[in-house]
């Protein structure tokens, strides 16, 4: 997907995101944040969107969030202000392909339901691994394409509409499994109907 198409798509979705996609993807956010809270430390949330996950982070976790959409970030900042979320240290506009942080900056790096949205997802994953500390964890929750069945057919038919709807319906899981510095340590299917997948990777020490 082109970055301009993503920006336009999420400008359209921002006013209703929490009540639509936010509801469908709630299981993935809950799983990822529970994992983060058990670890503690510093966290980078890539593609923070409207900030749906932010209230779930524990008070002793230090959260930085980045997103490319100004409209999404505005809603996230409003949540931080209205809910008094002191664990959120900063929310920044940033292209996930070029994260403006030094190497090894965060204990945990999280991407919830954005890998099938961003252009150049392998490059995004490489950047996530770069800013993760050695021995740290990279977490991904996402919808990945099914190989067989009715849903697989629907996903393939919807694929040409990716720029319009804002994500790749036929996104293969292999895209996020090839980063050499990361080792997959957990994989779990999530509701609804196993449509979402939780992945945890450990960065080499």
N, C-alpha and C. Protein backbone atom coordinates (compact mmCIF):
# COMPACT_ATOMS: atom_id res chain seq x y z
N UNK A 1 0.83 -1.19 0.00
CA UNK A 1 0.00 0.00 0.00
C UNK A 1 0.87 1.24 0.00
N UNK A 2 0.39 2.30 -0.63
CA UNK A 2 1.10 3.56 -0.65
C UNK A 2 0.80 4.35 0.62
N UNK A 3 1.80 5.09 1.10
CA UNK A 3 1.63 5.82 2.36
C UNK A 3 0.53 6.87 2.25
N UNK A 4 0.36 7.47 1.06
CA UNK A 4 -0.70 8.47 0.89
C UNK A 4 -2.08 7.83 0.98
N UNK A 5 -2.19 6.61 0.43
CA UNK A 5 -3.47 5.90 0.50
C UNK A 5 -3.81 5.54 1.94
N UNK A 6 -2.81 5.14 2.69
CA UNK A 6 -3.02 4.82 4.10
C UNK A 6 -3.48 6.05 4.87
N UNK A 7 -2.82 7.17 4.62
CA UNK A 7 -3.16 8.40 5.31
C UNK A 7 -4.61 8.81 5.03
N UNK A 8 -5.02 8.73 3.77
CA UNK A 8 -6.40 9.08 3.41
C UNK A 8 -7.39 8.09 4.01
N UNK A 9 -7.04 6.80 3.97
CA UNK A 9 -7.94 5.78 4.50
C UNK A 9 -8.18 5.98 5.99
N UNK A 10 -7.14 6.23 6.74
CA UNK A 10 -7.30 6.36 8.18
C UNK A 10 -7.86 7.71 8.59
N UNK A 11 -7.73 8.70 7.75
CA UNK A 11 -8.45 9.95 8.00
C UNK A 11 -9.96 9.69 7.91
N UNK A 12 -10.36 8.80 6.97
CA UNK A 12 -11.78 8.44 6.85
C UNK A 12 -12.25 7.61 8.03
N UNK A 13 -11.40 6.65 8.45
CA UNK A 13 -11.82 5.70 9.48
C UNK A 13 -11.73 6.28 10.89
N UNK A 14 -10.90 7.28 11.12
CA UNK A 14 -10.63 7.76 12.48
C UNK A 14 -11.90 8.05 13.30
N UNK A 15 -12.92 8.72 12.72
CA UNK A 15 -14.10 9.05 13.54
C UNK A 15 -14.87 7.83 14.05
N UNK A 16 -14.79 6.70 13.33
CA UNK A 16 -15.60 5.53 13.71
C UNK A 16 -14.74 4.31 14.06
N UNK A 17 -13.43 4.47 14.07
CA UNK A 17 -12.53 3.31 14.23
C UNK A 17 -12.80 2.55 15.52
N UNK A 18 -12.95 3.26 16.63
CA UNK A 18 -13.11 2.59 17.92
C UNK A 18 -14.33 1.68 17.94
N UNK A 19 -15.40 2.08 17.27
CA UNK A 19 -16.66 1.32 17.31
C UNK A 19 -16.72 0.24 16.23
N UNK A 20 -15.80 0.25 15.28
CA UNK A 20 -15.85 -0.73 14.19
C UNK A 20 -14.68 -1.70 14.31
N UNK A 21 -13.55 -1.36 13.70
CA UNK A 21 -12.38 -2.24 13.75
C UNK A 21 -11.87 -2.40 15.18
N UNK A 22 -12.04 -1.36 15.98
CA UNK A 22 -11.59 -1.44 17.36
C UNK A 22 -12.25 -2.58 18.11
N UNK A 23 -13.54 -2.77 17.87
CA UNK A 23 -14.26 -3.85 18.55
C UNK A 23 -13.79 -5.22 18.07
N UNK A 24 -13.57 -5.37 16.78
CA UNK A 24 -13.17 -6.65 16.21
C UNK A 24 -11.78 -7.05 16.68
N UNK A 25 -10.90 -6.08 16.88
CA UNK A 25 -9.50 -6.36 17.20
C UNK A 25 -9.20 -6.29 18.69
N UNK A 26 -10.23 -6.23 19.52
CA UNK A 26 -10.03 -6.06 20.96
C UNK A 26 -9.25 -7.22 21.57
N UNK A 27 -9.51 -8.46 21.11
CA UNK A 27 -8.83 -9.61 21.68
C UNK A 27 -7.32 -9.53 21.50
N UNK A 28 -6.88 -9.09 20.34
CA UNK A 28 -5.46 -8.96 20.07
C UNK A 28 -4.80 -7.92 20.96
N UNK A 29 -5.46 -6.78 21.15
CA UNK A 29 -4.92 -5.75 22.03
C UNK A 29 -4.81 -6.24 23.46
N UNK A 30 -5.84 -6.92 23.92
CA UNK A 30 -5.83 -7.41 25.30
C UNK A 30 -4.68 -8.40 25.52
N UNK A 31 -4.50 -9.32 24.58
CA UNK A 31 -3.43 -10.30 24.69
C UNK A 31 -2.06 -9.63 24.72
N UNK A 32 -1.85 -8.69 23.81
CA UNK A 32 -0.54 -8.02 23.71
C UNK A 32 -0.24 -7.20 24.96
N UNK A 33 -1.21 -6.44 25.45
CA UNK A 33 -0.96 -5.57 26.59
C UNK A 33 -0.77 -6.39 27.86
N UNK A 34 -1.48 -7.49 28.01
CA UNK A 34 -1.25 -8.36 29.17
C UNK A 34 0.18 -8.87 29.17
N UNK A 35 0.70 -9.22 28.01
CA UNK A 35 2.06 -9.69 27.88
C UNK A 35 3.03 -8.57 28.29
N UNK A 36 2.77 -7.36 27.79
CA UNK A 36 3.61 -6.21 28.11
C UNK A 36 3.60 -5.93 29.61
N UNK A 37 2.42 -5.91 30.20
CA UNK A 37 2.31 -5.57 31.62
C UNK A 37 3.05 -6.57 32.51
N UNK A 38 3.07 -7.82 32.09
CA UNK A 38 3.78 -8.84 32.86
C UNK A 38 5.29 -8.62 32.82
N UNK A 39 5.79 -8.00 31.73
CA UNK A 39 7.21 -7.73 31.58
C UNK A 39 7.62 -6.40 32.20
N UNK A 40 6.77 -5.38 32.06
CA UNK A 40 7.12 -4.05 32.53
C UNK A 40 8.15 -3.40 31.62
N UNK A 41 8.75 -2.32 32.10
CA UNK A 41 9.81 -1.65 31.35
C UNK A 41 9.29 -0.66 30.33
N UNK A 42 10.13 -0.36 29.35
CA UNK A 42 9.79 0.62 28.32
C UNK A 42 9.18 -0.06 27.10
N UNK A 43 8.17 0.59 26.53
CA UNK A 43 7.40 -0.01 25.44
C UNK A 43 7.23 0.99 24.31
N UNK A 44 7.43 0.53 23.10
CA UNK A 44 7.07 1.31 21.92
C UNK A 44 5.89 0.64 21.25
N UNK A 45 4.78 1.37 21.10
CA UNK A 45 3.64 0.86 20.33
C UNK A 45 3.68 1.50 18.95
N UNK A 46 3.95 0.70 17.95
CA UNK A 46 4.02 1.16 16.56
C UNK A 46 2.62 1.09 15.96
N UNK A 47 2.15 2.21 15.41
CA UNK A 47 0.79 2.26 14.91
C UNK A 47 -0.20 2.35 16.05
N UNK A 48 0.00 3.32 16.93
CA UNK A 48 -0.83 3.45 18.12
C UNK A 48 -2.27 3.82 17.78
N UNK A 49 -2.50 4.37 16.59
CA UNK A 49 -3.86 4.67 16.15
C UNK A 49 -4.57 5.64 17.07
N UNK A 50 -5.82 5.32 17.40
CA UNK A 50 -6.61 6.20 18.27
C UNK A 50 -6.32 5.96 19.75
N UNK A 51 -5.36 5.10 20.04
CA UNK A 51 -4.96 4.87 21.43
C UNK A 51 -5.84 3.90 22.18
N UNK A 52 -6.48 2.97 21.48
CA UNK A 52 -7.38 2.03 22.14
C UNK A 52 -6.68 1.20 23.21
N UNK A 53 -5.42 0.87 23.00
CA UNK A 53 -4.71 0.03 23.98
C UNK A 53 -4.17 0.83 25.16
N UNK A 54 -4.04 2.13 25.02
CA UNK A 54 -3.32 2.92 26.02
C UNK A 54 -3.88 2.80 27.44
N UNK A 55 -5.20 2.80 27.65
CA UNK A 55 -5.69 2.69 29.03
C UNK A 55 -5.39 1.35 29.68
N UNK A 56 -5.04 0.34 28.90
CA UNK A 56 -4.80 -1.00 29.44
C UNK A 56 -3.39 -1.17 30.00
N UNK A 57 -2.46 -0.30 29.62
CA UNK A 57 -1.09 -0.46 30.11
C UNK A 57 -1.03 -0.17 31.60
N UNK A 58 -0.23 -0.96 32.31
CA UNK A 58 -0.07 -0.78 33.76
C UNK A 58 0.62 0.55 34.06
N UNK A 59 0.36 1.12 35.23
CA UNK A 59 0.94 2.43 35.58
C UNK A 59 2.46 2.44 35.60
N UNK A 60 3.10 1.27 35.85
CA UNK A 60 4.55 1.23 35.93
C UNK A 60 5.22 0.94 34.59
N UNK A 61 4.44 0.87 33.51
CA UNK A 61 4.99 0.69 32.17
C UNK A 61 5.16 2.07 31.53
N UNK A 62 6.28 2.29 30.86
CA UNK A 62 6.54 3.57 30.21
C UNK A 62 6.30 3.43 28.71
N UNK A 63 5.24 4.05 28.20
CA UNK A 63 4.76 3.83 26.84
C UNK A 63 5.08 5.01 25.92
N UNK A 64 5.65 4.71 24.78
CA UNK A 64 5.77 5.66 23.68
C UNK A 64 4.95 5.12 22.51
N UNK A 65 4.15 5.97 21.89
CA UNK A 65 3.35 5.53 20.75
C UNK A 65 3.67 6.36 19.52
N UNK A 66 3.68 5.71 18.35
CA UNK A 66 3.91 6.42 17.09
C UNK A 66 2.84 6.03 16.09
N UNK A 67 2.51 6.95 15.20
CA UNK A 67 1.56 6.69 14.14
C UNK A 67 1.80 7.72 13.03
N UNK A 68 1.39 7.37 11.81
CA UNK A 68 1.57 8.30 10.69
C UNK A 68 0.36 9.21 10.50
N UNK A 69 -0.79 8.83 11.07
CA UNK A 69 -2.03 9.56 10.85
C UNK A 69 -2.23 10.64 11.92
N UNK A 70 -2.29 11.89 11.49
CA UNK A 70 -2.56 12.99 12.42
C UNK A 70 -3.93 12.84 13.07
N UNK A 71 -4.91 12.37 12.28
CA UNK A 71 -6.27 12.23 12.80
C UNK A 71 -6.32 11.18 13.91
N UNK A 72 -5.63 10.07 13.71
CA UNK A 72 -5.58 9.03 14.74
C UNK A 72 -4.86 9.54 15.99
N UNK A 73 -3.73 10.20 15.79
CA UNK A 73 -2.96 10.69 16.92
C UNK A 73 -3.74 11.71 17.75
N UNK A 74 -4.53 12.53 17.10
CA UNK A 74 -5.34 13.50 17.84
C UNK A 74 -6.29 12.80 18.80
N UNK A 75 -6.91 11.72 18.33
CA UNK A 75 -7.81 10.97 19.20
C UNK A 75 -7.06 10.28 20.33
N UNK A 76 -5.86 9.77 20.02
CA UNK A 76 -5.05 9.14 21.07
C UNK A 76 -4.65 10.15 22.13
N UNK A 77 -4.24 11.34 21.71
CA UNK A 77 -3.85 12.38 22.67
C UNK A 77 -5.03 12.81 23.54
N UNK A 78 -6.21 12.85 22.94
CA UNK A 78 -7.40 13.18 23.72
C UNK A 78 -7.65 12.13 24.80
N UNK A 79 -7.44 10.85 24.47
CA UNK A 79 -7.62 9.79 25.47
C UNK A 79 -6.63 9.96 26.62
N UNK A 80 -5.39 10.22 26.28
CA UNK A 80 -4.36 10.39 27.31
C UNK A 80 -4.73 11.54 28.24
N UNK A 81 -5.18 12.64 27.66
CA UNK A 81 -5.56 13.81 28.46
C UNK A 81 -6.81 13.53 29.30
N UNK A 82 -7.84 13.00 28.66
CA UNK A 82 -9.12 12.82 29.36
C UNK A 82 -9.05 11.75 30.45
N UNK A 83 -8.23 10.72 30.24
CA UNK A 83 -8.15 9.61 31.19
C UNK A 83 -6.96 9.73 32.14
N UNK A 84 -6.14 10.77 31.95
CA UNK A 84 -5.00 10.96 32.82
C UNK A 84 -4.01 9.81 32.78
N UNK A 85 -3.64 9.38 31.58
CA UNK A 85 -2.79 8.19 31.41
C UNK A 85 -1.31 8.59 31.56
N UNK A 86 -0.84 8.59 32.79
CA UNK A 86 0.52 9.04 33.06
C UNK A 86 1.57 8.06 32.56
N UNK A 87 1.19 6.82 32.29
CA UNK A 87 2.14 5.85 31.76
C UNK A 87 2.52 6.13 30.31
N UNK A 88 1.75 6.97 29.63
CA UNK A 88 2.05 7.33 28.24
C UNK A 88 2.97 8.54 28.24
N UNK A 89 4.22 8.32 27.84
CA UNK A 89 5.23 9.37 27.90
C UNK A 89 5.19 10.29 26.68
N UNK A 90 4.92 9.73 25.50
CA UNK A 90 4.87 10.57 24.30
C UNK A 90 4.12 9.85 23.19
N UNK A 91 3.46 10.66 22.35
CA UNK A 91 2.79 10.18 21.14
C UNK A 91 3.31 11.01 19.99
N UNK A 92 3.93 10.35 19.01
CA UNK A 92 4.68 11.05 17.98
C UNK A 92 4.22 10.63 16.59
N UNK A 93 4.22 11.60 15.67
CA UNK A 93 3.95 11.26 14.26
C UNK A 93 5.25 10.75 13.65
N UNK A 94 5.18 9.56 13.07
CA UNK A 94 6.39 8.95 12.57
C UNK A 94 6.05 7.88 11.54
N UNK A 95 6.91 7.73 10.55
CA UNK A 95 6.82 6.66 9.56
C UNK A 95 7.48 5.43 10.16
N UNK A 96 6.74 4.34 10.26
CA UNK A 96 7.26 3.13 10.90
C UNK A 96 8.43 2.52 10.14
N UNK A 97 8.62 2.92 8.90
CA UNK A 97 9.76 2.41 8.13
C UNK A 97 11.06 3.09 8.51
N UNK A 98 10.97 4.21 9.21
CA UNK A 98 12.15 4.97 9.62
C UNK A 98 11.91 5.51 11.04
N UNK A 99 11.97 4.63 12.01
CA UNK A 99 11.71 5.03 13.39
C UNK A 99 12.85 5.92 13.90
N UNK A 100 12.48 7.06 14.42
CA UNK A 100 13.47 8.05 14.83
C UNK A 100 13.88 7.83 16.29
N UNK A 101 14.42 6.63 16.54
CA UNK A 101 14.93 6.27 17.86
C UNK A 101 16.28 5.58 17.69
N UNK A 102 17.16 5.69 18.67
CA UNK A 102 18.43 4.97 18.60
C UNK A 102 18.22 3.46 18.66
N UNK A 103 19.22 2.72 18.27
CA UNK A 103 19.19 1.26 18.42
C UNK A 103 18.96 0.90 19.88
N UNK A 104 18.28 -0.24 20.09
CA UNK A 104 18.12 -0.82 21.44
C UNK A 104 17.51 0.18 22.43
N UNK A 105 16.41 0.82 22.05
CA UNK A 105 15.79 1.85 22.90
C UNK A 105 14.71 1.31 23.83
N UNK A 106 14.07 0.17 23.49
CA UNK A 106 12.88 -0.27 24.21
C UNK A 106 12.99 -1.74 24.62
N UNK A 107 12.40 -2.04 25.79
CA UNK A 107 12.35 -3.43 26.25
C UNK A 107 11.39 -4.27 25.40
N UNK A 108 10.29 -3.65 25.00
CA UNK A 108 9.28 -4.34 24.20
C UNK A 108 8.81 -3.42 23.09
N UNK A 109 8.61 -3.98 21.90
CA UNK A 109 8.08 -3.22 20.77
C UNK A 109 6.84 -3.96 20.28
N UNK A 110 5.74 -3.24 20.15
CA UNK A 110 4.44 -3.85 19.86
C UNK A 110 3.85 -3.26 18.58
N UNK A 111 3.28 -4.13 17.75
CA UNK A 111 2.52 -3.68 16.57
C UNK A 111 1.20 -4.44 16.56
N UNK A 112 0.12 -3.74 16.83
CA UNK A 112 -1.20 -4.38 16.92
C UNK A 112 -2.05 -4.02 15.71
N UNK A 113 -2.24 -5.00 14.86
CA UNK A 113 -3.14 -4.87 13.71
C UNK A 113 -2.70 -3.79 12.73
N UNK A 114 -1.40 -3.67 12.53
CA UNK A 114 -0.92 -2.66 11.57
C UNK A 114 0.00 -3.24 10.49
N UNK A 115 0.47 -4.48 10.65
CA UNK A 115 1.45 -5.01 9.70
C UNK A 115 0.86 -5.20 8.31
N UNK A 116 -0.42 -5.47 8.22
CA UNK A 116 -1.07 -5.60 6.91
C UNK A 116 -1.55 -4.26 6.38
N UNK A 117 -1.21 -3.19 7.08
CA UNK A 117 -1.60 -1.84 6.68
C UNK A 117 -0.40 -1.07 6.12
N UNK A 118 0.74 -1.22 6.77
CA UNK A 118 1.89 -0.40 6.42
C UNK A 118 2.50 -0.79 5.07
N UNK A 119 3.07 0.18 4.33
CA UNK A 119 3.89 -0.16 3.18
C UNK A 119 5.20 -0.77 3.67
N UNK A 120 5.74 -1.68 2.91
CA UNK A 120 7.02 -2.32 3.23
C UNK A 120 7.03 -2.93 4.64
N UNK A 121 6.16 -3.89 4.92
CA UNK A 121 6.09 -4.45 6.27
C UNK A 121 7.39 -5.11 6.73
N UNK A 122 8.16 -5.68 5.82
CA UNK A 122 9.43 -6.29 6.23
C UNK A 122 10.39 -5.21 6.74
N UNK A 123 10.36 -4.07 6.11
CA UNK A 123 11.21 -2.96 6.56
C UNK A 123 10.74 -2.44 7.91
N UNK A 124 9.43 -2.40 8.12
CA UNK A 124 8.89 -1.98 9.41
C UNK A 124 9.33 -2.95 10.50
N UNK A 125 9.24 -4.25 10.22
CA UNK A 125 9.66 -5.25 11.20
C UNK A 125 11.14 -5.12 11.52
N UNK A 126 11.95 -4.85 10.51
CA UNK A 126 13.38 -4.66 10.72
C UNK A 126 13.64 -3.46 11.64
N UNK A 127 12.88 -2.39 11.45
CA UNK A 127 13.02 -1.22 12.31
C UNK A 127 12.57 -1.53 13.75
N UNK A 128 11.49 -2.29 13.87
CA UNK A 128 11.04 -2.68 15.20
C UNK A 128 12.11 -3.50 15.92
N UNK A 129 12.74 -4.41 15.19
CA UNK A 129 13.81 -5.22 15.79
C UNK A 129 15.00 -4.35 16.15
N UNK A 130 15.31 -3.38 15.32
CA UNK A 130 16.46 -2.51 15.58
C UNK A 130 16.32 -1.75 16.89
N UNK A 131 15.13 -1.20 17.14
CA UNK A 131 14.96 -0.35 18.33
C UNK A 131 14.65 -1.17 19.59
N UNK A 132 14.47 -2.48 19.44
CA UNK A 132 14.26 -3.37 20.58
C UNK A 132 15.61 -3.73 21.19
N UNK A 133 15.67 -3.75 22.51
CA UNK A 133 16.91 -4.10 23.19
C UNK A 133 17.26 -5.57 22.98
N UNK A 134 18.52 -5.92 22.97
CA UNK A 134 18.91 -7.34 22.92
C UNK A 134 18.27 -8.11 24.07
N UNK A 135 17.68 -9.25 23.77
CA UNK A 135 16.94 -10.01 24.76
C UNK A 135 15.53 -9.53 24.97
N UNK A 136 15.16 -8.44 24.31
CA UNK A 136 13.81 -7.90 24.42
C UNK A 136 12.82 -8.66 23.56
N UNK A 137 11.59 -8.15 23.52
CA UNK A 137 10.49 -8.85 22.84
C UNK A 137 9.82 -7.94 21.83
N UNK A 138 9.52 -8.51 20.67
CA UNK A 138 8.69 -7.86 19.66
C UNK A 138 7.37 -8.62 19.59
N UNK A 139 6.26 -7.93 19.75
CA UNK A 139 4.93 -8.53 19.72
C UNK A 139 4.16 -8.04 18.51
N UNK A 140 3.48 -8.97 17.85
CA UNK A 140 2.64 -8.63 16.70
C UNK A 140 1.30 -9.33 16.87
N UNK A 141 0.22 -8.58 16.75
CA UNK A 141 -1.10 -9.18 16.56
C UNK A 141 -1.62 -8.69 15.23
N UNK A 142 -2.21 -9.61 14.46
CA UNK A 142 -2.64 -9.25 13.11
C UNK A 142 -3.54 -10.33 12.53
N UNK A 143 -4.26 -9.94 11.50
CA UNK A 143 -4.96 -10.91 10.67
C UNK A 143 -4.02 -11.36 9.56
N UNK A 144 -3.90 -12.67 9.39
CA UNK A 144 -3.09 -13.22 8.31
C UNK A 144 -3.96 -14.07 7.39
N UNK A 145 -3.58 -14.10 6.13
CA UNK A 145 -4.39 -14.80 5.13
C UNK A 145 -4.50 -16.29 5.42
N UNK A 146 -5.68 -16.81 5.21
CA UNK A 146 -5.88 -18.26 5.30
C UNK A 146 -5.53 -18.89 3.97
N UNK A 147 -5.09 -20.12 4.01
CA UNK A 147 -4.64 -20.79 2.79
C UNK A 147 -5.77 -21.53 2.09
N UNK A 148 -6.77 -21.97 2.83
CA UNK A 148 -7.87 -22.74 2.25
C UNK A 148 -9.19 -22.27 2.84
N UNK A 149 -10.30 -22.70 2.18
CA UNK A 149 -11.62 -22.44 2.70
C UNK A 149 -12.27 -21.19 2.13
N UNK A 150 -13.52 -20.95 2.57
CA UNK A 150 -14.31 -19.82 2.07
C UNK A 150 -13.66 -18.49 2.43
N UNK A 151 -13.17 -18.37 3.66
CA UNK A 151 -12.55 -17.10 4.06
C UNK A 151 -11.32 -16.78 3.22
N UNK A 152 -10.57 -17.82 2.85
CA UNK A 152 -9.40 -17.60 2.00
C UNK A 152 -9.82 -17.03 0.65
N UNK A 153 -10.92 -17.52 0.11
CA UNK A 153 -11.43 -17.01 -1.17
C UNK A 153 -11.88 -15.56 -1.04
N UNK A 154 -12.60 -15.25 0.03
CA UNK A 154 -13.07 -13.89 0.26
C UNK A 154 -11.89 -12.93 0.41
N UNK A 155 -10.86 -13.36 1.13
CA UNK A 155 -9.67 -12.53 1.33
C UNK A 155 -8.98 -12.21 0.00
N UNK A 156 -8.89 -13.21 -0.86
CA UNK A 156 -8.26 -12.98 -2.17
C UNK A 156 -9.09 -12.05 -3.03
N UNK A 157 -10.41 -12.17 -2.97
CA UNK A 157 -11.29 -11.30 -3.76
C UNK A 157 -11.23 -9.86 -3.28
N UNK A 158 -11.03 -9.68 -1.98
CA UNK A 158 -10.99 -8.33 -1.42
C UNK A 158 -9.63 -7.66 -1.59
N UNK A 159 -8.61 -8.43 -1.94
CA UNK A 159 -7.24 -7.91 -2.00
C UNK A 159 -7.08 -6.67 -2.89
N UNK A 160 -7.71 -6.61 -4.08
CA UNK A 160 -7.54 -5.41 -4.92
C UNK A 160 -8.10 -4.13 -4.31
N UNK A 161 -8.88 -4.25 -3.23
CA UNK A 161 -9.48 -3.08 -2.59
C UNK A 161 -8.63 -2.55 -1.44
N UNK A 162 -7.40 -3.01 -1.32
CA UNK A 162 -6.59 -2.69 -0.13
C UNK A 162 -6.43 -1.19 0.08
N UNK A 163 -6.19 -0.42 -0.97
CA UNK A 163 -6.02 1.02 -0.80
C UNK A 163 -7.30 1.71 -0.34
N UNK A 164 -8.45 1.14 -0.71
CA UNK A 164 -9.73 1.72 -0.33
C UNK A 164 -10.09 1.39 1.11
N UNK A 165 -9.96 0.10 1.49
CA UNK A 165 -10.40 -0.32 2.82
C UNK A 165 -9.33 -0.09 3.88
N UNK A 166 -8.06 0.04 3.46
CA UNK A 166 -7.03 0.42 4.41
C UNK A 166 -6.15 -0.71 4.92
N UNK A 167 -6.28 -1.93 4.41
CA UNK A 167 -5.39 -3.02 4.81
C UNK A 167 -5.41 -4.12 3.74
N UNK A 168 -4.40 -5.00 3.83
CA UNK A 168 -4.31 -6.13 2.91
C UNK A 168 -5.06 -7.32 3.50
N UNK A 169 -6.13 -7.74 2.86
CA UNK A 169 -6.91 -8.87 3.36
C UNK A 169 -6.19 -10.20 3.14
N UNK A 170 -5.24 -10.24 2.21
CA UNK A 170 -4.56 -11.50 1.88
C UNK A 170 -3.10 -11.48 2.34
N UNK A 171 -2.85 -10.89 3.48
CA UNK A 171 -1.49 -10.70 3.99
C UNK A 171 -0.93 -12.02 4.53
N UNK A 172 0.17 -12.53 3.97
CA UNK A 172 0.70 -13.84 4.40
C UNK A 172 1.54 -13.72 5.66
N UNK A 173 1.42 -14.68 6.55
CA UNK A 173 2.16 -14.66 7.81
C UNK A 173 3.67 -14.76 7.57
N UNK A 174 4.07 -15.36 6.46
CA UNK A 174 5.50 -15.50 6.17
C UNK A 174 6.21 -14.14 6.10
N UNK A 175 5.45 -13.09 5.81
CA UNK A 175 6.03 -11.75 5.69
C UNK A 175 6.70 -11.31 6.99
N UNK A 176 6.20 -11.77 8.13
CA UNK A 176 6.74 -11.31 9.42
C UNK A 176 7.57 -12.38 10.12
N UNK A 177 7.92 -13.42 9.41
CA UNK A 177 8.67 -14.50 10.04
C UNK A 177 10.13 -14.57 9.61
N UNK A 178 10.59 -13.61 8.82
CA UNK A 178 11.92 -13.72 8.24
C UNK A 178 12.98 -12.80 8.81
N UNK A 179 12.67 -12.05 9.86
CA UNK A 179 13.67 -11.13 10.42
C UNK A 179 14.75 -11.94 11.15
N UNK A 180 16.01 -11.88 10.71
CA UNK A 180 17.05 -12.77 11.25
C UNK A 180 17.37 -12.57 12.73
N UNK A 181 17.15 -11.37 13.27
CA UNK A 181 17.49 -11.13 14.68
C UNK A 181 16.38 -11.55 15.64
N UNK A 182 15.25 -12.00 15.11
CA UNK A 182 14.10 -12.36 15.94
C UNK A 182 13.79 -13.85 15.85
N UNK A 183 13.50 -14.45 17.01
CA UNK A 183 13.11 -15.85 17.08
C UNK A 183 11.68 -15.94 17.61
N UNK A 184 10.81 -16.64 16.88
CA UNK A 184 9.42 -16.79 17.31
C UNK A 184 9.36 -17.69 18.54
N UNK A 185 8.76 -17.17 19.62
CA UNK A 185 8.67 -17.95 20.86
C UNK A 185 7.23 -18.28 21.24
N UNK A 186 6.27 -17.62 20.63
CA UNK A 186 4.86 -17.93 20.92
C UNK A 186 3.99 -17.55 19.74
N UNK A 187 3.03 -18.42 19.44
CA UNK A 187 2.05 -18.16 18.37
C UNK A 187 0.70 -18.67 18.85
N UNK A 188 -0.32 -17.81 18.78
CA UNK A 188 -1.62 -18.16 19.33
C UNK A 188 -2.73 -17.57 18.45
N UNK A 189 -3.74 -18.38 18.13
CA UNK A 189 -4.91 -17.89 17.42
C UNK A 189 -5.82 -17.17 18.40
N UNK A 190 -6.44 -16.08 17.94
CA UNK A 190 -7.26 -15.24 18.80
C UNK A 190 -8.68 -15.11 18.25
N UNK A 191 -9.64 -14.82 19.11
CA UNK A 191 -11.00 -14.54 18.63
C UNK A 191 -11.05 -13.22 17.89
N UNK A 192 -12.08 -13.02 17.05
CA UNK A 192 -13.19 -13.95 16.81
C UNK A 192 -12.83 -15.02 15.77
N UNK A 193 -13.20 -16.24 16.05
CA UNK A 193 -13.07 -17.37 15.12
C UNK A 193 -11.64 -17.62 14.67
N UNK A 194 -10.69 -17.27 15.52
CA UNK A 194 -9.30 -17.48 15.15
C UNK A 194 -8.83 -16.61 14.01
N UNK A 195 -9.55 -15.53 13.74
CA UNK A 195 -9.20 -14.66 12.61
C UNK A 195 -7.92 -13.88 12.86
N UNK A 196 -7.60 -13.61 14.12
CA UNK A 196 -6.41 -12.86 14.47
C UNK A 196 -5.36 -13.80 15.06
N UNK A 197 -4.10 -13.41 14.95
CA UNK A 197 -3.00 -14.22 15.47
C UNK A 197 -2.09 -13.36 16.32
N UNK A 198 -1.66 -13.92 17.46
CA UNK A 198 -0.70 -13.28 18.35
C UNK A 198 0.66 -13.93 18.16
N UNK A 199 1.69 -13.12 17.92
CA UNK A 199 3.05 -13.62 17.74
C UNK A 199 3.98 -12.90 18.71
N UNK A 200 4.83 -13.65 19.40
CA UNK A 200 5.86 -13.07 20.26
C UNK A 200 7.22 -13.54 19.78
N UNK A 201 8.13 -12.58 19.58
CA UNK A 201 9.48 -12.86 19.12
C UNK A 201 10.48 -12.39 20.18
N UNK A 202 11.54 -13.14 20.35
CA UNK A 202 12.64 -12.73 21.22
C UNK A 202 13.80 -12.25 20.35
N UNK A 203 14.35 -11.08 20.70
CA UNK A 203 15.51 -10.57 19.97
C UNK A 203 16.77 -11.20 20.54
N UNK A 204 17.68 -11.56 19.65
CA UNK A 204 18.92 -12.19 20.08
C UNK A 204 19.68 -11.29 21.05
N UNK A 205 20.26 -11.91 22.07
CA UNK A 205 21.03 -11.16 23.06
C UNK A 205 22.38 -10.75 22.50
